[in-house]
C-alpha atoms as a PDB file:
ATOM      1  CA  MET A   1      -0.063   0.119  -0.093  1.00  0.00           C
ATOM      2  CA  ILE A   2       1.625   3.150  -1.285  1.00  0.00           C
ATOM      3  CA  GLU A   3       0.984   5.684   1.980  1.00  0.00           C
ATOM      4  CA  ASP A   4       3.497   8.393   1.118  1.00  0.00           C
ATOM      5  CA  TRP A   5       2.938   9.383  -2.499  1.00  0.00           C
ATOM      6  CA  ASN A   6       5.508  12.102  -2.551  1.00  0.00           C
ATOM      7  CA  SER A   7       8.212   9.923  -1.491  1.00  0.00           C
ATOM      8  CA  PHE A   8       6.923   7.492  -4.101  1.00  0.00           C
ATOM      9  CA  LEU A   9       7.005  10.044  -6.738  1.00  0.00           C
ATOM     10  CA  LEU A  10      10.475  11.636  -6.027  1.00  0.00           C
ATOM     11  CA  PRO A  11      12.624   9.598  -8.269  1.00  0.00           C
ATOM     12  CA  TYR A  12      10.077  10.265 -11.125  1.00  0.00           C
ATOM     13  CA  ALA A  13      10.126  13.980 -10.460  1.00  0.00           C
ATOM     14  CA  GLN A  14      14.055  13.822 -10.318  1.00  0.00           C
ATOM     15  CA  ALA A  15      13.901  11.619 -13.813  1.00  0.00           C
ATOM     16  CA  VAL A  16      11.707  14.420 -15.464  1.00  0.00           C
ATOM     17  CA  SER A  17      13.915  17.132 -14.439  1.00  0.00           C
ATOM     18  CA  GLU A  18      17.044  15.483 -15.608  1.00  0.00           C
ATOM     19  CA  LEU A  19      15.662  14.512 -18.846  1.00  0.00           C
ATOM     20  CA  LYS A  20      14.385  17.786 -19.531  1.00  0.00           C
ATOM     21  CA  VAL A  21      17.706  19.234 -18.831  1.00  0.00           C
ATOM     22  CA  LYS A  22      19.550  16.605 -21.145  1.00  0.00           C
ATOM     23  CA  LEU A  23      17.124  17.097 -24.180  1.00  0.00           C
ATOM     24  CA  ARG A  24      17.304  20.746 -23.960  1.00  0.00           C
ATOM     25  CA  ALA A  25      20.954  20.460 -24.222  1.00  0.00           C
ATOM     26  CA  MET A  26      20.653  18.468 -27.389  1.00  0.00           C
ATOM     27  CA  ARG A  27      18.964  21.477 -28.775  1.00  0.00           C
ATOM     28  CA  THR A  28      21.640  23.861 -27.851  1.00  0.00           C
ATOM     29  CA  GLN A  29      24.476  21.824 -28.981  1.00  0.00           C
ATOM     30  CA  PHE A  30      22.674  21.901 -32.337  1.00  0.00           C
ATOM     31  CA  LEU A  31      22.275  25.787 -32.407  1.00  0.00           C
ATOM     32  CA  ARG A  32      25.822  26.081 -31.355  1.00  0.00           C
ATOM     33  CA  SER A  33      27.179  24.095 -34.095  1.00  0.00           C
ATOM     34  CA  ASP A  34      25.044  26.336 -36.415  1.00  0.00           C
ATOM     35  CA  GLU A  35      22.918  23.360 -37.347  1.00  0.00           C
ATOM     36  CA  GLU A  36      19.087  23.394 -37.651  1.00  0.00           C
ATOM     37  CA  SER A  37      17.866  21.680 -34.280  1.00  0.00           C
ATOM     38  CA  PRO A  38      15.038  19.104 -34.784  1.00  0.00           C
ATOM     39  CA  ILE A  39      13.947  19.868 -31.196  1.00  0.00           C
ATOM     40  CA  GLU A  40      11.908  23.185 -30.973  1.00  0.00           C
ATOM     41  CA  PHE A  41      11.238  22.954 -27.037  1.00  0.00           C
ATOM     42  CA  VAL A  42      10.725  20.410 -24.303  1.00  0.00           C
ATOM     43  CA  THR A  43       8.175  20.040 -21.709  1.00  0.00           C
ATOM     44  CA  GLY A  44       7.582  17.324 -18.887  1.00  0.00           C
ATOM     45  CA  ARG A  45       5.495  16.360 -16.042  1.00  0.00           C
ATOM     46  CA  VAL A  46       4.975  13.783 -13.228  1.00  0.00           C
ATOM     47  CA  LYS A  47       1.518  12.059 -13.416  1.00  0.00           C
ATOM     48  CA  PRO A  48      -0.671  13.533 -10.861  1.00  0.00           C
ATOM     49  CA  VAL A  49      -1.809  10.988  -8.149  1.00  0.00           C
ATOM     50  CA  ASP A  50      -5.598  10.933  -9.162  1.00  0.00           C
ATOM     51  CA  SER A  51      -4.723  10.198 -12.647  1.00  0.00           C
ATOM     52  CA  ILE A  52      -2.463   7.390 -11.362  1.00  0.00           C
ATOM     53  CA  LYS A  53      -5.150   5.961  -9.399  1.00  0.00           C
ATOM     54  CA  GLU A  54      -7.820   6.340 -12.042  1.00  0.00           C
ATOM     55  CA  LYS A  55      -5.515   4.501 -14.559  1.00  0.00           C
ATOM     56  CA  MET A  56      -4.705   1.752 -12.071  1.00  0.00           C
ATOM     57  CA  VAL A  57      -8.591   1.007 -12.055  1.00  0.00           C
ATOM     58  CA  ARG A  58      -8.906   1.392 -15.587  1.00  0.00           C
ATOM     59  CA  ARG A  59      -6.298  -0.664 -16.666  1.00  0.00           C
ATOM     60  CA  GLN A  60      -6.506  -3.059 -13.750  1.00  0.00           C
ATOM     61  CA  ILE A  61      -2.914  -2.456 -12.505  1.00  0.00           C
ATOM     62  CA  LEU A  62      -2.153  -3.894  -9.183  1.00  0.00           C
ATOM     63  CA  GLU A  63      -0.343  -1.776  -6.779  1.00  0.00           C
ATOM     64  CA  GLU A  64       2.539  -3.843  -6.416  1.00  0.00           C
ATOM     65  CA  ARG A  65       3.071  -3.816 -10.140  1.00  0.00           C
ATOM     66  CA  ILE A  66       2.754  -0.173 -10.735  1.00  0.00           C
ATOM     67  CA  GLU A  67       6.314   0.601 -11.354  1.00  0.00           C
ATOM     68  CA  GLN A  68       6.764  -2.114 -13.924  1.00  0.00           C
ATOM     69  CA  ASP A  69       3.149  -1.544 -15.560  1.00  0.00           C
ATOM     70  CA  MET A  70       2.565   2.117 -15.569  1.00  0.00           C
ATOM     71  CA  GLN A  71       5.106   3.444 -18.022  1.00  0.00           C
ATOM     72  CA  ASP A  72       4.119   7.290 -18.212  1.00  0.00           C
ATOM     73  CA  ILE A  73       4.267   8.360 -14.356  1.00  0.00           C
ATOM     74  CA  ALA A  74       7.249  10.335 -15.596  1.00  0.00           C
ATOM     75  CA  GLY A  75       6.390  12.115 -18.850  1.00  0.00           C
ATOM     76  CA  VAL A  76       8.483  14.089 -21.347  1.00  0.00           C
ATOM     77  CA  ARG A  77       7.263  15.784 -24.427  1.00  0.00           C
ATOM     78  CA  VAL A  78       9.743  16.858 -27.305  1.00  0.00           C
ATOM     79  CA  MET A  79       8.090  19.331 -29.865  1.00  0.00           C
ATOM     80  CA  CYS A  80       9.556  19.455 -33.388  1.00  0.00           C
ATOM     81  CA  GLN A  81       8.845  21.713 -36.400  1.00  0.00           C
ATOM     82  CA  PHE A  82       8.796  19.037 -38.828  1.00  0.00           C
ATOM     83  CA  VAL A  83       7.856  15.427 -39.263  1.00  0.00           C
ATOM     84  CA  GLU A  84      11.240  14.150 -40.171  1.00  0.00           C
ATOM     85  CA  ASP A  85      12.637  15.746 -37.139  1.00  0.00           C
ATOM     86  CA  ILE A  86      10.476  13.315 -34.909  1.00  0.00           C
ATOM     87  CA  TYR A  87      12.557  10.531 -36.368  1.00  0.00           C
ATOM     88  CA  GLN A  88      15.993  12.331 -36.105  1.00  0.00           C
ATOM     89  CA  VAL A  89      15.049  12.832 -32.287  1.00  0.00           C
ATOM     90  CA  VAL A  90      14.175   9.256 -31.950  1.00  0.00           C
ATOM     91  CA  ASP A  91      17.436   8.033 -33.657  1.00  0.00           C
ATOM     92  CA  LEU A  92      19.427  10.467 -31.029  1.00  0.00           C
ATOM     93  CA  ILE A  93      17.680   8.928 -28.100  1.00  0.00           C
ATOM     94  CA  ARG A  94      18.295   5.233 -29.375  1.00  0.00           C
ATOM     95  CA  LYS A  95      22.156   6.166 -29.650  1.00  0.00           C
ATOM     96  CA  ARG A  96      22.309   7.738 -25.874  1.00  0.00           C
ATOM     97  CA  THR A  97      24.046   5.383 -23.085  1.00  0.00           C
ATOM     98  CA  ASP A  98      22.493   7.349 -20.372  1.00  0.00           C
ATOM     99  CA  MET A  99      18.925   5.786 -20.721  1.00  0.00           C
ATOM    100  CA  THR A 100      17.736   2.488 -22.248  1.00  0.00           C
ATOM    101  CA  VAL A 101      14.999   2.359 -24.892  1.00  0.00           C
ATOM    102  CA  ILE A 102      12.415  -0.343 -23.706  1.00  0.00           C
ATOM    103  CA  GLU A 103       9.630   0.049 -26.127  1.00  0.00           C
ATOM    104  CA  GLU A 104       8.587   2.327 -29.102  1.00  0.00           C
ATOM    105  CA  ARG A 105       5.237   3.037 -30.404  1.00  0.00           C
ATOM    106  CA  ASP A 106       4.866   4.868 -33.980  1.00  0.00           C
ATOM    107  CA  TYR A 107       1.550   6.606 -33.847  1.00  0.00           C
ATOM    108  CA  VAL A 108       2.848   9.287 -36.281  1.00  0.00           C
ATOM    109  CA  GLU A 109       2.720   6.573 -39.501  1.00  0.00           C
ATOM    110  CA  ASN A 110       0.176   4.504 -37.631  1.00  0.00           C
ATOM    111  CA  GLU A 111      -2.218   6.724 -35.960  1.00  0.00           C
ATOM    112  CA  LYS A 112      -4.748   5.884 -33.377  1.00  0.00           C
ATOM    113  CA  PRO A 113      -8.468   5.489 -34.658  1.00  0.00           C
ATOM    114  CA  SER A 114      -9.304   8.997 -32.993  1.00  0.00           C
ATOM    115  CA  GLY A 115      -6.646  10.398 -35.182  1.00  0.00           C
ATOM    116  CA  TYR A 116      -3.865  11.007 -32.639  1.00  0.00           C
ATOM    117  CA  ARG A 117      -0.369  11.163 -33.855  1.00  0.00           C
ATOM    118  CA  SER A 118       2.868  10.814 -31.766  1.00  0.00           C
ATOM    119  CA  TYR A 119       5.893   8.915 -31.431  1.00  0.00           C
ATOM    120  CA  HIS A 120       6.389   7.185 -27.877  1.00  0.00           C
ATOM    121  CA  ILE A 121       9.392   6.012 -26.593  1.00  0.00           C
ATOM    122  CA  VAL A 122       9.413   4.052 -23.252  1.00  0.00           C
ATOM    123  CA  ILE A 123      12.817   4.334 -21.683  1.00  0.00           C
ATOM    124  CA  GLU A 124      14.406   3.039 -18.521  1.00  0.00           C
ATOM    125  CA  TYR A 125      16.410   5.800 -16.746  1.00  0.00           C
ATOM    126  CA  PRO A 126      18.810   5.518 -13.809  1.00  0.00           C
ATOM    127  CA  VAL A 127      18.148   8.051 -11.085  1.00  0.00           C
ATOM    128  CA  GLN A 128      20.777   8.416  -8.273  1.00  0.00           C
ATOM    129  CA  MET A 129      19.176   8.638  -5.002  1.00  0.00           C
ATOM    130  CA  LEU A 130      20.561   8.973  -1.657  1.00  0.00           C
ATOM    131  CA  ASN A 131      20.540   5.347  -0.944  1.00  0.00           C
ATOM    132  CA  GLY A 132      21.668   4.346  -4.270  1.00  0.00           C
ATOM    133  CA  GLN A 133      20.385   4.158  -7.818  1.00  0.00           C
ATOM    134  CA  LYS A 134      17.089   3.584  -8.735  1.00  0.00           C
ATOM    135  CA  LYS A 135      15.739   2.868 -12.291  1.00  0.00           C
ATOM    136  CA  VAL A 136      12.462   4.121 -13.199  1.00  0.00           C
ATOM    137  CA  LEU A 137      10.471   4.025 -16.439  1.00  0.00           C
ATOM    138  CA  ALA A 138       9.534   7.179 -18.337  1.00  0.00           C
ATOM    139  CA  GLU A 139       7.662   8.036 -21.562  1.00  0.00           C
ATOM    140  CA  ILE A 140       9.074  10.393 -24.018  1.00  0.00           C
ATOM    141  CA  GLN A 141       6.625  11.585 -26.611  1.00  0.00           C
ATOM    142  CA  VAL A 142       8.057  13.265 -29.712  1.00  0.00           C
ATOM    143  CA  ARG A 143       5.509  14.964 -31.873  1.00  0.00           C
ATOM    144  CA  THR A 144       5.099  18.214 -34.145  1.00  0.00           C
ATOM    145  CA  LEU A 145       3.522  21.435 -33.111  1.00  0.00           C
ATOM    146  CA  GLU A 146       0.455  20.521 -35.308  1.00  0.00           C
ATOM    147  CA  MET A 147       0.067  17.090 -33.632  1.00  0.00           C
ATOM    148  CA  ASN A 148       0.509  18.825 -30.168  1.00  0.00           C
ATOM    149  CA  PHE A 149      -2.083  21.359 -31.036  1.00  0.00           C
ATOM    150  CA  TRP A 150      -4.643  18.545 -32.070  1.00  0.00           C
ATOM    151  CA  ALA A 151      -3.792  16.385 -29.107  1.00  0.00           C
ATOM    152  CA  THR A 152      -4.337  19.317 -26.657  1.00  0.00           C
ATOM    153  CA  ILE A 153      -7.751  20.144 -27.923  1.00  0.00           C
ATOM    154  CA  GLU A 154      -8.816  16.425 -28.253  1.00  0.00           C
ATOM    155  CA  HIS A 155      -7.662  15.952 -24.655  1.00  0.00           C
ATOM    156  CA  SER A 156      -9.538  18.926 -23.370  1.00  0.00           C
ATOM    157  CA  LEU A 157     -12.725  17.724 -25.056  1.00  0.00           C
ATOM    158  CA  ASN A 158     -12.202  14.083 -23.577  1.00  0.00           C
ATOM    159  CA  TYR A 159     -12.192  15.895 -20.224  1.00  0.00           C
ATOM    160  CA  LYS A 160     -15.069  18.000 -20.856  1.00  0.00           C
ATOM    161  CA  PHE A 161     -17.212  15.067 -21.929  1.00  0.00           C
ATOM    162  CA  ASN A 162     -15.728  12.400 -19.988  1.00  0.00           C
ATOM    163  CA  GLY A 163     -14.517  10.682 -22.948  1.00  0.00           C
ATOM    164  CA  ASN A 164     -17.873  10.440 -24.524  1.00  0.00           C
ATOM    165  CA  PHE A 165     -18.159  13.471 -26.576  1.00  0.00           C
ATOM    166  CA  PRO A 166     -20.820  13.603 -29.517  1.00  0.00           C
ATOM    167  CA  ALA A 167     -19.989  11.405 -32.538  1.00  0.00           C
ATOM    168  CA  GLU A 168     -20.173  14.533 -34.828  1.00  0.00           C
ATOM    169  CA  LEU A 169     -17.372  16.017 -32.821  1.00  0.00           C
ATOM    170  CA  ARG A 170     -15.433  12.829 -32.902  1.00  0.00           C
ATOM    171  CA  THR A 171     -15.792  12.639 -36.694  1.00  0.00           C
ATOM    172  CA  ARG A 172     -14.707  16.190 -37.161  1.00  0.00           C
ATOM    173  CA  LEU A 173     -11.772  15.702 -35.005  1.00  0.00           C
ATOM    174  CA  GLN A 174     -10.612  12.834 -37.096  1.00  0.00           C
ATOM    175  CA  LYS A 175     -10.914  14.743 -40.248  1.00  0.00           C
ATOM    176  CA  ALA A 176      -9.046  17.650 -38.582  1.00  0.00           C
ATOM    177  CA  SER A 177      -6.410  15.296 -37.735  1.00  0.00           C
ATOM    178  CA  VAL A 178      -5.974  14.203 -41.581  1.00  0.00           C
ATOM    179  CA  LYS A 179      -5.822  17.913 -42.456  1.00  0.00           C
ATOM    180  CA  SER A 180      -3.334  18.558 -39.698  1.00  0.00           C
ATOM    181  CA  TYR A 181      -0.999  15.968 -40.899  1.00  0.00           C
ATOM    182  CA  GLU A 182      -1.200  16.996 -44.559  1.00  0.00           C
ATOM    183  CA  LEU A 183      -0.061  20.381 -43.322  1.00  0.00           C
ATOM    184  CA  ASP A 184       2.907  18.758 -41.645  1.00  0.00           C
ATOM    185  CA  LYS A 185       3.772  16.874 -44.778  1.00  0.00           C
ATOM    186  CA  GLU A 186       3.220  19.942 -46.944  1.00  0.00           C
ATOM    187  CA  MET A 187       5.528  22.182 -44.696  1.00  0.00           C
ATOM    188  CA  SER A 188       8.029  19.351 -44.863  1.00  0.00           C
ATOM    189  CA  ASP A 189       8.034  19.241 -48.711  1.00  0.00           C
ATOM    190  CA  ILE A 190       8.333  23.029 -48.761  1.00  0.00           C
ATOM    191  CA  ARG A 191      11.407  22.906 -46.530  1.00  0.00           C
ATOM    192  CA  LYS A 192      13.079  20.292 -48.669  1.00  0.00           C
ATOM    193  CA  GLN A 193      12.578  22.514 -51.853  1.00  0.00           C
ATOM    194  CA  ILE A 194      14.102  25.521 -50.300  1.00  0.00           C
ATOM    195  CA  LEU A 195      17.030  23.486 -48.925  1.00  0.00           C
ATOM    196  CA  LEU A 196      17.485  21.964 -52.343  1.00  0.00           C
ATOM    197  CA  ALA A 197      17.329  25.678 -53.902  1.00  0.00           C
ATOM    198  CA  GLN A 198      19.926  26.631 -51.222  1.00  0.00           C
ATOM    199  CA  ARG A 199      22.319  23.925 -52.170  1.00  0.00           C
ATOM    200  CA  GLU A 200      22.002  24.679 -55.866  1.00  0.00           C
ATOM    201  CA  GLN A 201      22.841  28.281 -55.367  1.00  0.00           C
ATOM    202  CA  ARG A 202      25.749  27.351 -53.559  1.00  0.00           C
ATOM    203  CA  ASP A 203      27.026  25.079 -56.254  1.00  0.00           C
ATOM    204  CA  GLU A 204      26.626  27.661 -58.998  1.00  0.00           C
END
């Protein structure tokens, strides 16, 4: 029985704090090298206790299995400008030696039925506590600004309607997701054409 949630969540809070610093440092390194950074900005949070308890009931997660079966108590979100940036960030995370990738779920190319798109990476991250090292699971979500905007609206509607919002709204959301992704791909194509034109000018 978890009696002291603050103590239980402390290593997760430390993991979020450290991961934000490390991922933001990746952006800084790109910019200092005069390279375009695939990372626009990074946010993070520790799942609130009420949300943890609700998910335990919904997913039938036993309290003694919470550390193994709930992968998103520590959550970090990486925002990108372009779809191809997502996969560049994912590749950078795979190559790191200070965290271990446990699972990947590509909801960018394989979106959820709702229209949700994002790339989820579950990692095992070692946190140094006073009594030694503790490895915790954390979820890193990598998405474009468009995907994040859609997900934010969908989340707020889910909260407002307790997950049962009208079919018409659900259909409109799905259509909006398609249009949003089309815009993401169009912006990527425009970027590629600009970069190609710049290279051709340099070669002249």
